[in-house]
Amino acid sequence: MNTQNVNVKTATKESSERWVKNIARIIDRAHYNVACAQEAHAHYGDKFTSADTCLYFIRGALSAIFLKS
């Protein structure tokens, strides 16, 4: 039988910190995607709407989730 001494408070805290870092990475990637899209739209003279902001934010978040780099 395999037994290990695990401090439940430590394990929970590390798991929580990892979760927070993961969410921060996803949100950061989403904001970066929106900023790049805004720059591209400004460069080419296209109108950048709030719908574009939502679209690029979601696209950036999904790319961070599914294409971990």
PDB file of N, CA and C in Angstrom:
ATOM      1  N   MET A   1       0.834  -1.167   0.000  1.00  0.00           N
ATOM      2  CA  MET A   1       0.000   0.000   0.000  1.00  0.00           C
ATOM      3  C   MET A   1       0.888   1.243   0.000  1.00  0.00           C
ATOM      4  N   ASN A   2       0.570   2.198  -0.839  1.00  0.00           N
ATOM      5  CA  ASN A   2       1.368   3.401  -0.992  1.00  0.00           C
ATOM      6  C   ASN A   2       0.708   4.542  -0.229  1.00  0.00           C
ATOM      7  N   THR A   3       1.408   5.093   0.747  1.00  0.00           N
ATOM      8  CA  THR A   3       0.862   6.223   1.510  1.00  0.00           C
ATOM      9  C   THR A   3       1.805   7.404   1.390  1.00  0.00           C
ATOM     10  N   GLN A   4       1.222   8.573   1.329  1.00  0.00           N
ATOM     11  CA  GLN A   4       2.018   9.790   1.223  1.00  0.00           C
ATOM     12  C   GLN A   4       1.470  10.815   2.202  1.00  0.00           C
ATOM     13  N   ASN A   5       2.366  11.602   2.744  1.00  0.00           N
ATOM     14  CA  ASN A   5       1.949  12.701   3.607  1.00  0.00           C
ATOM     15  C   ASN A   5       1.748  13.930   2.740  1.00  0.00           C
ATOM     16  N   VAL A   6       0.513  14.351   2.613  1.00  0.00           N
ATOM     17  CA  VAL A   6       0.189  15.505   1.780  1.00  0.00           C
ATOM     18  C   VAL A   6      -0.496  16.545   2.653  1.00  0.00           C
ATOM     19  N   ASN A   7       0.033  17.741   2.613  1.00  0.00           N
ATOM     20  CA  ASN A   7      -0.594  18.843   3.322  1.00  0.00           C
ATOM     21  C   ASN A   7      -1.698  19.393   2.433  1.00  0.00           C
ATOM     22  N   VAL A   8      -2.934  19.243   2.872  1.00  0.00           N
ATOM     23  CA  VAL A   8      -4.079  19.628   2.049  1.00  0.00           C
ATOM     24  C   VAL A   8      -4.082  21.123   1.767  1.00  0.00           C
ATOM     25  N   LYS A   9      -3.726  21.942   2.733  1.00  0.00           N
ATOM     26  CA  LYS A   9      -3.722  23.394   2.523  1.00  0.00           C
ATOM     27  C   LYS A   9      -2.692  23.796   1.472  1.00  0.00           C
ATOM     28  N   THR A  10      -1.522  23.183   1.490  1.00  0.00           N
ATOM     29  CA  THR A  10      -0.478  23.497   0.507  1.00  0.00           C
ATOM     30  C   THR A  10      -0.897  23.063  -0.884  1.00  0.00           C
ATOM     31  N   ALA A  11      -1.440  21.874  -0.987  1.00  0.00           N
ATOM     32  CA  ALA A  11      -1.856  21.354  -2.292  1.00  0.00           C
ATOM     33  C   ALA A  11      -2.953  22.225  -2.894  1.00  0.00           C
ATOM     34  N   THR A  12      -3.887  22.662  -2.089  1.00  0.00           N
ATOM     35  CA  THR A  12      -4.979  23.505  -2.576  1.00  0.00           C
ATOM     36  C   THR A  12      -4.452  24.866  -3.009  1.00  0.00           C
ATOM     37  N   LYS A  13      -3.539  25.434  -2.256  1.00  0.00           N
ATOM     38  CA  LYS A  13      -2.994  26.752  -2.584  1.00  0.00           C
ATOM     39  C   LYS A  13      -2.223  26.708  -3.903  1.00  0.00           C
ATOM     40  N   GLU A  14      -1.392  25.681  -4.095  1.00  0.00           N
ATOM     41  CA  GLU A  14      -0.633  25.563  -5.337  1.00  0.00           C
ATOM     42  C   GLU A  14      -1.564  25.364  -6.526  1.00  0.00           C
ATOM     43  N   SER A  15      -2.602  24.583  -6.347  1.00  0.00           N
ATOM     44  CA  SER A  15      -3.570  24.355  -7.412  1.00  0.00           C
ATOM     45  C   SER A  15      -4.294  25.648  -7.765  1.00  0.00           C
ATOM     46  N   SER A  16      -4.649  26.413  -6.750  1.00  0.00           N
ATOM     47  CA  SER A  16      -5.336  27.684  -6.956  1.00  0.00           C
ATOM     48  C   SER A  16      -4.440  28.681  -7.677  1.00  0.00           C
ATOM     49  N   GLU A  17      -3.167  28.736  -7.277  1.00  0.00           N
ATOM     50  CA  GLU A  17      -2.231  29.655  -7.934  1.00  0.00           C
ATOM     51  C   GLU A  17      -2.038  29.279  -9.396  1.00  0.00           C
ATOM     52  N   ARG A  18      -1.962  27.997  -9.684  1.00  0.00           N
ATOM     53  CA  ARG A  18      -1.804  27.542 -11.064  1.00  0.00           C
ATOM     54  C   ARG A  18      -3.027  27.922 -11.887  1.00  0.00           C
ATOM     55  N   TRP A  19      -4.206  27.788 -11.290  1.00  0.00           N
ATOM     56  CA  TRP A  19      -5.448  28.124 -11.971  1.00  0.00           C
ATOM     57  C   TRP A  19      -5.490  29.616 -12.284  1.00  0.00           C
ATOM     58  N   VAL A  20      -5.095  30.441 -11.321  1.00  0.00           N
ATOM     59  CA  VAL A  20      -5.097  31.898 -11.509  1.00  0.00           C
ATOM     60  C   VAL A  20      -4.104  32.293 -12.602  1.00  0.00           C
ATOM     61  N   LYS A  21      -2.923  31.682 -12.616  1.00  0.00           N
ATOM     62  CA  LYS A  21      -1.939  31.980 -13.653  1.00  0.00           C
ATOM     63  C   LYS A  21      -2.452  31.583 -15.023  1.00  0.00           C
ATOM     64  N   ASN A  22      -3.162  30.468 -15.091  1.00  0.00           N
ATOM     65  CA  ASN A  22      -3.712  30.006 -16.362  1.00  0.00           C
ATOM     66  C   ASN A  22      -4.764  30.982 -16.890  1.00  0.00           C
ATOM     67  N   ILE A  23      -5.663  31.425 -16.022  1.00  0.00           N
ATOM     68  CA  ILE A  23      -6.692  32.387 -16.426  1.00  0.00           C
ATOM     69  C   ILE A  23      -6.048  33.708 -16.842  1.00  0.00           C
ATOM     70  N   ALA A  24      -5.027  34.147 -16.113  1.00  0.00           N
ATOM     71  CA  ALA A  24      -4.329  35.385 -16.462  1.00  0.00           C
ATOM     72  C   ALA A  24      -3.666  35.274 -17.827  1.00  0.00           C
ATOM     73  N   ARG A  25      -3.086  34.105 -18.134  1.00  0.00           N
ATOM     74  CA  ARG A  25      -2.450  33.882 -19.436  1.00  0.00           C
ATOM     75  C   ARG A  25      -3.492  33.945 -20.552  1.00  0.00           C
ATOM     76  N   ILE A  26      -4.652  33.355 -20.328  1.00  0.00           N
ATOM     77  CA  ILE A  26      -5.714  33.348 -21.340  1.00  0.00           C
ATOM     78  C   ILE A  26      -6.222  34.762 -21.591  1.00  0.00           C
ATOM     79  N   ILE A  27      -6.470  35.516 -20.526  1.00  0.00           N
ATOM     80  CA  ILE A  27      -6.974  36.884 -20.680  1.00  0.00           C
ATOM     81  C   ILE A  27      -5.923  37.784 -21.323  1.00  0.00           C
ATOM     82  N   ASP A  28      -4.669  37.607 -20.939  1.00  0.00           N
ATOM     83  CA  ASP A  28      -3.589  38.394 -21.527  1.00  0.00           C
ATOM     84  C   ASP A  28      -3.490  38.138 -23.030  1.00  0.00           C
ATOM     85  N   ARG A  29      -3.601  36.890 -23.422  1.00  0.00           N
ATOM     86  CA  ARG A  29      -3.543  36.539 -24.842  1.00  0.00           C
ATOM     87  C   ARG A  29      -4.726  37.145 -25.600  1.00  0.00           C
ATOM     88  N   ALA A  30      -5.897  37.148 -24.973  1.00  0.00           N
ATOM     89  CA  ALA A  30      -7.084  37.725 -25.606  1.00  0.00           C
ATOM     90  C   ALA A  30      -6.912  39.226 -25.811  1.00  0.00           C
ATOM     91  N   HIS A  31      -6.398  39.927 -24.800  1.00  0.00           N
ATOM     92  CA  HIS A  31      -6.153  41.371 -24.925  1.00  0.00           C
ATOM     93  C   HIS A  31      -5.098  41.665 -25.992  1.00  0.00           C
ATOM     94  N   TYR A  32      -4.074  40.843 -26.046  1.00  0.00           N
ATOM     95  CA  TYR A  32      -3.029  41.008 -27.062  1.00  0.00           C
ATOM     96  C   TYR A  32      -3.618  40.845 -28.467  1.00  0.00           C
ATOM     97  N   ASN A  33      -4.488  39.881 -28.634  1.00  0.00           N
ATOM     98  CA  ASN A  33      -5.124  39.643 -29.931  1.00  0.00           C
ATOM     99  C   ASN A  33      -5.974  40.843 -30.355  1.00  0.00           C
ATOM    100  N   VAL A  34      -6.691  41.431 -29.401  1.00  0.00           N
ATOM    101  CA  VAL A  34      -7.500  42.618 -29.697  1.00  0.00           C
ATOM    102  C   VAL A  34      -6.600  43.790 -30.083  1.00  0.00           C
ATOM    103  N   ALA A  35      -5.503  43.976 -29.357  1.00  0.00           N
ATOM    104  CA  ALA A  35      -4.590  45.086 -29.649  1.00  0.00           C
ATOM    105  C   ALA A  35      -3.975  44.943 -31.038  1.00  0.00           C
ATOM    106  N   CYS A  36      -3.582  43.736 -31.399  1.00  0.00           N
ATOM    107  CA  CYS A  36      -3.009  43.506 -32.736  1.00  0.00           C
ATOM    108  C   CYS A  36      -4.049  43.763 -33.825  1.00  0.00           C
ATOM    109  N   ALA A  37      -5.272  43.337 -33.577  1.00  0.00           N
ATOM    110  CA  ALA A  37      -6.340  43.550 -34.564  1.00  0.00           C
ATOM    111  C   ALA A  37      -6.632  45.042 -34.710  1.00  0.00           C
ATOM    112  N   GLN A  38      -6.626  45.785 -33.603  1.00  0.00           N
ATOM    113  CA  GLN A  38      -6.841  47.234 -33.677  1.00  0.00           C
ATOM    114  C   GLN A  38      -5.757  47.902 -34.512  1.00  0.00           C
ATOM    115  N   GLU A  39      -4.526  47.498 -34.300  1.00  0.00           N
ATOM    116  CA  GLU A  39      -3.412  48.059 -35.073  1.00  0.00           C
ATOM    117  C   GLU A  39      -3.561  47.740 -36.561  1.00  0.00           C
ATOM    118  N   ALA A  40      -3.941  46.515 -36.865  1.00  0.00           N
ATOM    119  CA  ALA A  40      -4.113  46.124 -38.268  1.00  0.00           C
ATOM    120  C   ALA A  40      -5.251  46.910 -38.919  1.00  0.00           C
ATOM    121  N   HIS A  41      -6.354  47.063 -38.200  1.00  0.00           N
ATOM    122  CA  HIS A  41      -7.485  47.826 -38.743  1.00  0.00           C
ATOM    123  C   HIS A  41      -7.091  49.286 -38.962  1.00  0.00           C
ATOM    124  N   ALA A  42      -6.353  49.862 -38.023  1.00  0.00           N
ATOM    125  CA  ALA A  42      -5.916  51.251 -38.168  1.00  0.00           C
ATOM    126  C   ALA A  42      -4.952  51.397 -39.339  1.00  0.00           C
ATOM    127  N   HIS A  43      -4.077  50.428 -39.497  1.00  0.00           N
ATOM    128  CA  HIS A  43      -3.100  50.482 -40.585  1.00  0.00           C
ATOM    129  C   HIS A  43      -3.776  50.457 -41.956  1.00  0.00           C
ATOM    130  N   TYR A  44      -4.783  49.592 -42.077  1.00  0.00           N
ATOM    131  CA  TYR A  44      -5.466  49.464 -43.370  1.00  0.00           C
ATOM    132  C   TYR A  44      -6.661  50.394 -43.503  1.00  0.00           C
ATOM    133  N   GLY A  45      -6.941  51.201 -42.486  1.00  0.00           N
ATOM    134  CA  GLY A  45      -8.016  52.187 -42.564  1.00  0.00           C
ATOM    135  C   GLY A  45      -9.404  51.593 -42.409  1.00  0.00           C
ATOM    136  N   ASP A  46      -9.504  50.400 -41.842  1.00  0.00           N
ATOM    137  CA  ASP A  46     -10.803  49.766 -41.624  1.00  0.00           C
ATOM    138  C   ASP A  46     -11.405  50.245 -40.306  1.00  0.00           C
ATOM    139  N   LYS A  47     -12.719  50.210 -40.232  1.00  0.00           N
ATOM    140  CA  LYS A  47     -13.417  50.588 -39.017  1.00  0.00           C
ATOM    141  C   LYS A  47     -13.325  49.432 -38.013  1.00  0.00           C
ATOM    142  N   PHE A  48     -13.038  49.753 -36.750  1.00  0.00           N
ATOM    143  CA  PHE A  48     -12.932  48.741 -35.701  1.00  0.00           C
ATOM    144  C   PHE A  48     -14.094  48.942 -34.736  1.00  0.00           C
ATOM    145  N   THR A  49     -15.039  48.004 -34.734  1.00  0.00           N
ATOM    146  CA  THR A  49     -16.249  48.140 -33.931  1.00  0.00           C
ATOM    147  C   THR A  49     -16.155  47.330 -32.640  1.00  0.00           C
ATOM    148  N   SER A  50     -17.155  47.499 -31.785  1.00  0.00           N
ATOM    149  CA  SER A  50     -17.190  46.717 -30.545  1.00  0.00           C
ATOM    150  C   SER A  50     -17.429  45.239 -30.847  1.00  0.00           C
ATOM    151  N   ALA A  51     -18.116  44.951 -31.934  1.00  0.00           N
ATOM    152  CA  ALA A  51     -18.299  43.544 -32.338  1.00  0.00           C
ATOM    153  C   ALA A  51     -16.956  42.930 -32.726  1.00  0.00           C
ATOM    154  N   ASP A  52     -16.112  43.716 -33.396  1.00  0.00           N
ATOM    155  CA  ASP A  52     -14.761  43.251 -33.719  1.00  0.00           C
ATOM    156  C   ASP A  52     -13.962  42.973 -32.450  1.00  0.00           C
ATOM    157  N   THR A  53     -14.112  43.862 -31.467  1.00  0.00           N
ATOM    158  CA  THR A  53     -13.413  43.674 -30.197  1.00  0.00           C
ATOM    159  C   THR A  53     -13.810  42.355 -29.549  1.00  0.00           C
ATOM    160  N   CYS A  54     -15.101  42.077 -29.502  1.00  0.00           N
ATOM    161  CA  CYS A  54     -15.586  40.819 -28.918  1.00  0.00           C
ATOM    162  C   CYS A  54     -15.076  39.619 -29.701  1.00  0.00           C
ATOM    163  N   LEU A  55     -15.144  39.709 -31.013  1.00  0.00           N
ATOM    164  CA  LEU A  55     -14.704  38.609 -31.867  1.00  0.00           C
ATOM    165  C   LEU A  55     -13.226  38.299 -31.653  1.00  0.00           C
ATOM    166  N   TYR A  56     -12.391  39.324 -31.675  1.00  0.00           N
ATOM    167  CA  TYR A  56     -10.950  39.108 -31.521  1.00  0.00           C
ATOM    168  C   TYR A  56     -10.578  38.703 -30.092  1.00  0.00           C
ATOM    169  N   PHE A  57     -11.341  39.173 -29.100  1.00  0.00           N
ATOM    170  CA  PHE A  57     -11.089  38.757 -27.719  1.00  0.00           C
ATOM    171  C   PHE A  57     -11.373  37.266 -27.558  1.00  0.00           C
ATOM    172  N   ILE A  58     -12.513  36.834 -28.057  1.00  0.00           N
ATOM    173  CA  ILE A  58     -12.876  35.412 -27.966  1.00  0.00           C
ATOM    174  C   ILE A  58     -11.895  34.560 -28.752  1.00  0.00           C
ATOM    175  N   ARG A  59     -11.542  35.014 -29.930  1.00  0.00           N
ATOM    176  CA  ARG A  59     -10.586  34.267 -30.757  1.00  0.00           C
ATOM    177  C   ARG A  59      -9.234  34.132 -30.053  1.00  0.00           C
ATOM    178  N   GLY A  60      -8.784  35.210 -29.413  1.00  0.00           N
ATOM    179  CA  GLY A  60      -7.518  35.168 -28.686  1.00  0.00           C
ATOM    180  C   GLY A  60      -7.575  34.256 -27.477  1.00  0.00           C
ATOM    181  N   ALA A  61      -8.688  34.299 -26.759  1.00  0.00           N
ATOM    182  CA  ALA A  61      -8.846  33.435 -25.580  1.00  0.00           C
ATOM    183  C   ALA A  61      -8.873  31.963 -25.995  1.00  0.00           C
ATOM    184  N   LEU A  62      -9.606  31.664 -27.040  1.00  0.00           N
ATOM    185  CA  LEU A  62      -9.674  30.281 -27.511  1.00  0.00           C
ATOM    186  C   LEU A  62      -8.326  29.777 -28.026  1.00  0.00           C
ATOM    187  N   SER A  63      -7.582  30.654 -28.681  1.00  0.00           N
ATOM    188  CA  SER A  63      -6.255  30.240 -29.153  1.00  0.00           C
ATOM    189  C   SER A  63      -5.328  29.957 -27.974  1.00  0.00           C
ATOM    190  N   ALA A  64      -5.481  30.719 -26.883  1.00  0.00           N
ATOM    191  CA  ALA A  64      -4.657  30.470 -25.694  1.00  0.00           C
ATOM    192  C   ALA A  64      -5.042  29.159 -25.017  1.00  0.00           C
ATOM    193  N   ILE A  65      -6.328  28.821 -25.065  1.00  0.00           N
ATOM    194  CA  ILE A  65      -6.783  27.586 -24.439  1.00  0.00           C
ATOM    195  C   ILE A  65      -6.354  26.372 -25.240  1.00  0.00           C
ATOM    196  N   PHE A  66      -6.571  26.402 -26.543  1.00  0.00           N
ATOM    197  CA  PHE A  66      -6.367  25.208 -27.357  1.00  0.00           C
ATOM    198  C   PHE A  66      -4.981  25.103 -27.978  1.00  0.00           C
ATOM    199  N   LEU A  67      -4.290  26.228 -28.129  1.00  0.00           N
ATOM    200  CA  LEU A  67      -2.955  26.207 -28.729  1.00  0.00           C
ATOM    201  C   LEU A  67      -1.923  26.669 -27.722  1.00  0.00           C
ATOM    202  N   LYS A  68      -1.826  25.973 -26.605  1.00  0.00           N
ATOM    203  CA  LYS A  68      -0.856  26.371 -25.567  1.00  0.00           C
ATOM    204  C   LYS A  68       0.520  26.453 -26.165  1.00  0.00           C
ATOM    205  N   SER A  69       1.144  27.633 -26.008  1.00  0.00           N
ATOM    206  CA  SER A  69       2.503  27.785 -26.532  1.00  0.00           C
ATOM    207  C   SER A  69       3.444  28.302 -25.484  1.00  0.00           C
TER     208      SER A  69
END
